[in-house]
Protein backbone atom coordinates (compact mmCIF):
# COMPACT_ATOMS: atom_id res chain seq x y z
CA MET A 1 60.57 134.94 106.60
CA GLU A 2 60.09 131.45 108.04
CA LYS A 3 59.11 128.53 105.79
CA PRO A 4 55.73 126.90 106.39
CA LYS A 5 55.83 123.70 108.46
CA ASP A 6 55.02 121.45 105.49
CA GLN A 7 57.96 122.90 103.51
CA GLN A 8 60.27 122.41 106.53
CA ALA A 9 59.16 118.79 106.85
CA GLU A 10 59.69 118.26 103.11
CA SER A 11 63.23 119.70 103.17
CA SER A 12 64.01 117.63 106.28
CA HIS A 13 62.76 114.53 104.43
CA ASP A 14 64.94 115.45 101.40
CA ALA A 15 68.01 115.82 103.66
CA GLU A 16 67.35 112.38 105.21
CA ALA A 17 66.99 110.84 101.76
CA GLN A 18 70.28 112.44 100.69
CA ASP A 19 72.00 111.08 103.83
CA LEU A 20 70.66 107.58 103.14
CA GLY A 21 71.77 107.85 99.51
CA ARG A 22 75.24 108.97 100.63
CA GLN A 23 75.46 106.11 103.14
CA ALA A 24 74.40 103.55 100.50
CA HIS A 25 76.98 104.96 98.06
CA CYS A 26 79.74 104.83 100.71
CA MET A 27 78.83 101.25 101.65
CA VAL A 28 79.04 100.18 97.99
CA LEU A 29 82.46 101.85 97.69
CA MET A 30 83.66 100.08 100.87
CA GLU A 31 82.40 96.74 99.62
CA ALA A 32 84.27 97.20 96.33
CA ALA A 33 87.46 98.28 98.15
CA LEU A 34 87.36 95.30 100.52
CA PHE A 35 86.80 92.94 97.60
CA VAL A 36 89.61 94.36 95.46
CA ALA A 37 92.11 94.68 98.33
CA GLY A 38 91.89 91.00 99.27
CA ARG A 39 93.27 91.95 102.69
CA PRO A 40 92.03 93.79 105.78
CA LEU A 41 91.60 97.56 105.41
CA ASP A 42 91.84 99.93 108.36
CA LEU A 43 89.58 102.93 109.00
CA ASN A 44 92.13 105.36 107.51
CA GLU A 45 92.05 103.43 104.24
CA LEU A 46 88.25 103.22 104.32
CA CYS A 47 88.07 106.99 104.95
CA GLN A 48 90.13 107.53 101.79
CA VAL A 49 87.79 105.24 99.84
CA ILE A 50 84.66 107.18 100.83
CA GLY A 51 86.33 110.59 100.69
CA SER A 52 85.81 111.45 104.35
CA ARG A 53 88.05 112.39 107.25
CA SER A 54 85.61 111.05 109.83
CA LYS A 55 86.70 107.69 111.20
CA ARG A 56 83.42 107.58 113.15
CA LYS A 57 81.43 107.84 109.91
CA ALA A 58 83.62 105.24 108.18
CA GLN A 59 83.18 102.86 111.11
CA LYS A 60 79.41 103.44 111.10
CA TYR A 61 79.22 102.58 107.39
CA ALA A 62 81.54 99.57 107.74
CA ASP A 63 79.49 98.24 110.68
CA ALA A 64 76.28 98.74 108.68
CA LEU A 65 77.80 96.85 105.74
CA MET A 66 78.95 94.05 108.06
CA HIS A 67 75.42 93.85 109.53
CA GLU A 68 73.96 93.75 106.02
CA TYR A 69 76.26 90.84 105.10
CA ASN A 70 75.23 88.98 108.28
CA GLY A 71 71.62 89.18 107.08
CA ARG A 72 72.41 87.81 103.62
CA SER A 73 72.41 84.15 102.69
CA THR A 74 75.86 84.23 101.10
CA ALA A 75 79.23 82.51 101.29
CA LEU A 76 80.94 85.84 102.02
CA GLU A 77 81.28 87.72 105.28
CA ILE A 78 82.74 90.98 106.51
CA LEU A 79 84.57 90.77 109.82
CA ALA A 80 85.74 93.51 112.17
CA LEU A 81 89.30 92.76 113.27
CA LYS A 82 91.53 94.28 115.94
CA ASP A 83 93.01 97.72 115.34
CA GLU A 84 89.86 99.03 113.59
CA ARG A 85 90.29 96.87 110.48
CA TYR A 86 87.69 95.15 108.30
CA VAL A 87 88.02 92.23 105.89
CA LEU A 88 85.76 90.67 103.26
CA GLN A 89 86.34 86.91 103.08
CA VAL A 90 84.79 83.54 102.34
CA LYS A 91 83.04 82.02 105.37
CA ALA A 92 85.04 79.24 107.01
CA GLU A 93 82.46 76.56 106.21
CA PHE A 94 82.95 77.14 102.46
CA THR A 95 86.75 77.38 102.23
CA HIS A 96 87.38 73.63 101.93
CA LEU A 97 84.84 73.43 99.09
CA ILE A 98 86.55 76.09 96.97
CA GLN A 99 90.19 75.47 97.92
CA LYS A 100 90.89 73.61 94.67
CA LEU A 101 89.93 76.73 92.68
CA VAL A 102 92.78 78.74 94.13
CA ASN A 103 95.31 78.62 91.30
CA ARG A 104 98.46 79.94 92.82
CA PRO A 105 99.87 80.14 96.31
CA LEU A 106 100.37 83.52 97.94
CA LEU A 107 104.15 83.05 97.74
CA SER A 108 106.59 80.83 95.92
CA PRO A 109 108.89 78.61 98.05
CA GLY A 110 111.86 81.05 98.23
CA PRO A 111 109.97 84.08 99.60
CA LEU A 112 107.94 81.76 101.85
CA LYS A 113 111.16 80.41 103.44
CA THR A 114 112.45 83.96 103.90
CA LEU A 115 109.11 84.97 105.47
CA SER A 116 109.18 82.03 107.88
CA TYR A 117 112.78 82.86 108.83
CA ILE A 118 111.79 86.48 109.58
CA ALA A 119 108.60 85.50 111.43
CA ILE A 120 110.27 83.04 113.82
CA ARG A 121 113.22 85.36 114.59
CA GLN A 122 111.61 88.80 114.50
CA PRO A 123 112.55 91.51 115.01
CA ILE A 124 115.62 90.69 112.91
CA SER A 125 118.05 92.84 110.95
CA GLN A 126 117.81 92.76 107.18
CA LYS A 127 121.57 92.14 107.08
CA ARG A 128 121.15 88.93 109.12
CA VAL A 129 118.39 87.71 106.80
CA ILE A 130 120.59 88.36 103.74
CA ASP A 131 123.58 86.64 105.42
CA VAL A 132 121.53 83.51 106.09
CA ARG A 133 119.18 83.42 103.07
CA GLY A 134 121.59 84.82 100.45
CA GLN A 135 121.57 87.78 98.05
CA HIS A 136 118.31 86.61 96.41
CA ALA A 137 116.57 87.47 99.70
CA TYR A 138 116.64 91.17 98.74
CA GLY A 139 114.00 90.33 96.12
CA HIS A 140 112.07 88.23 98.63
CA ILE A 141 112.04 91.08 101.15
CA LYS A 142 110.75 93.52 98.53
CA GLU A 143 107.99 91.06 97.53
CA LEU A 144 107.04 90.49 101.18
CA LYS A 145 106.87 94.24 101.85
CA ASP A 146 104.80 94.79 98.69
CA SER A 147 102.42 92.05 99.89
CA HIS A 148 102.11 93.82 103.30
CA LEU A 149 103.36 90.69 105.10
CA ILE A 150 106.46 92.33 106.61
CA MET A 151 107.58 95.85 107.38
CA ALA A 152 111.00 97.42 107.78
CA GLU A 153 111.94 99.93 110.46
CA LYS A 154 115.17 101.89 110.53
CA SER A 155 117.38 101.08 113.51
CA GLY A 156 120.58 103.08 113.39
CA ARG A 157 122.15 102.40 110.01
CA SER A 158 120.36 99.11 109.40
CA MET A 159 116.78 97.97 108.77
CA VAL A 160 114.92 95.73 111.20
CA LEU A 161 112.28 93.42 109.74
CA LYS A 162 109.13 92.13 111.40
CA THR A 163 105.76 90.80 110.36
CA THR A 164 102.61 92.91 110.00
CA ALA A 165 99.05 92.54 111.25
CA ASP A 166 98.13 91.35 107.73
CA PHE A 167 100.60 88.47 108.15
CA ALA A 168 98.96 87.48 111.45
CA ASP A 169 95.47 87.70 109.93
CA TYR A 170 96.38 85.75 106.81
CA PHE A 171 97.97 82.87 108.72
CA GLY A 172 95.52 82.95 111.65
CA LEU A 173 98.16 83.89 114.22
CA PRO A 174 97.99 86.29 117.19
CA ASN A 175 99.21 89.85 116.57
CA ASP A 176 101.36 89.81 119.71
CA ILE A 177 104.90 88.89 118.58
CA THR A 178 105.69 86.78 121.66
CA GLU A 179 102.49 84.75 121.28
CA MET A 180 102.98 84.48 117.54
CA LYS A 181 106.51 83.11 117.96
CA LYS A 182 105.25 80.52 120.48
CA ASN A 183 102.64 79.36 117.97
CA LEU A 184 105.20 79.27 115.15
CA ARG A 185 107.61 77.22 117.28
CA LYS A 186 104.83 74.67 117.80
CA ILE A 187 104.11 74.61 114.05
CA PHE A 188 107.76 74.47 112.96
CA GLY A 189 108.92 72.38 115.97
CA GLU A 190 110.89 69.58 114.30
CA ALA A 191 112.24 71.74 111.48
CA LEU A 192 113.74 74.17 114.01
CA LYS A 193 115.39 71.29 115.93
CA ASP A 194 116.87 69.91 112.71
CA GLU A 195 118.22 73.35 111.77
CA LYS A 196 119.98 73.74 115.16
CA GLU A 197 121.65 70.35 114.75
CA THR A 198 123.12 71.20 111.31
């Protein structure tokens, strides 16, 4: 027996309300995940956060959250990056005002030197990095991998190191390795010349 039209409309309205409630809940979860991560999250990670397999749904919710942030009068923003990634960050116009509140650098000098060595020469074998930077570089490499700034790929019996998309995002560099290395050569210019001379 078919339900009366007013009951059908009521159940349709209930379903819409449930969908809106689900979307709001997913958006809150995404916001929390982006805040806690402190780095860009891709759609696969956002799918895990909201408990869905649908990248389309995750993207819809992430775009809605980004749109919501654009409408707020706040110092924070959500940006859509290349490769279907999203990041929650402080707007550029506020970073210089809060810079002094950042207590510690992302990396201490040793790992930072190892990271710069890898970035300018990537892809580079782990063995070569250890030969040049010393045995302590094993710890640096582990820290850099744990921070999602580099990744290691097996090549025969050795590991080849290169930077990640998170590295490019964090330092404001292009994701393309060739372009990134050109930019880094401009930044490091004199230091690289000095190193060649010694």
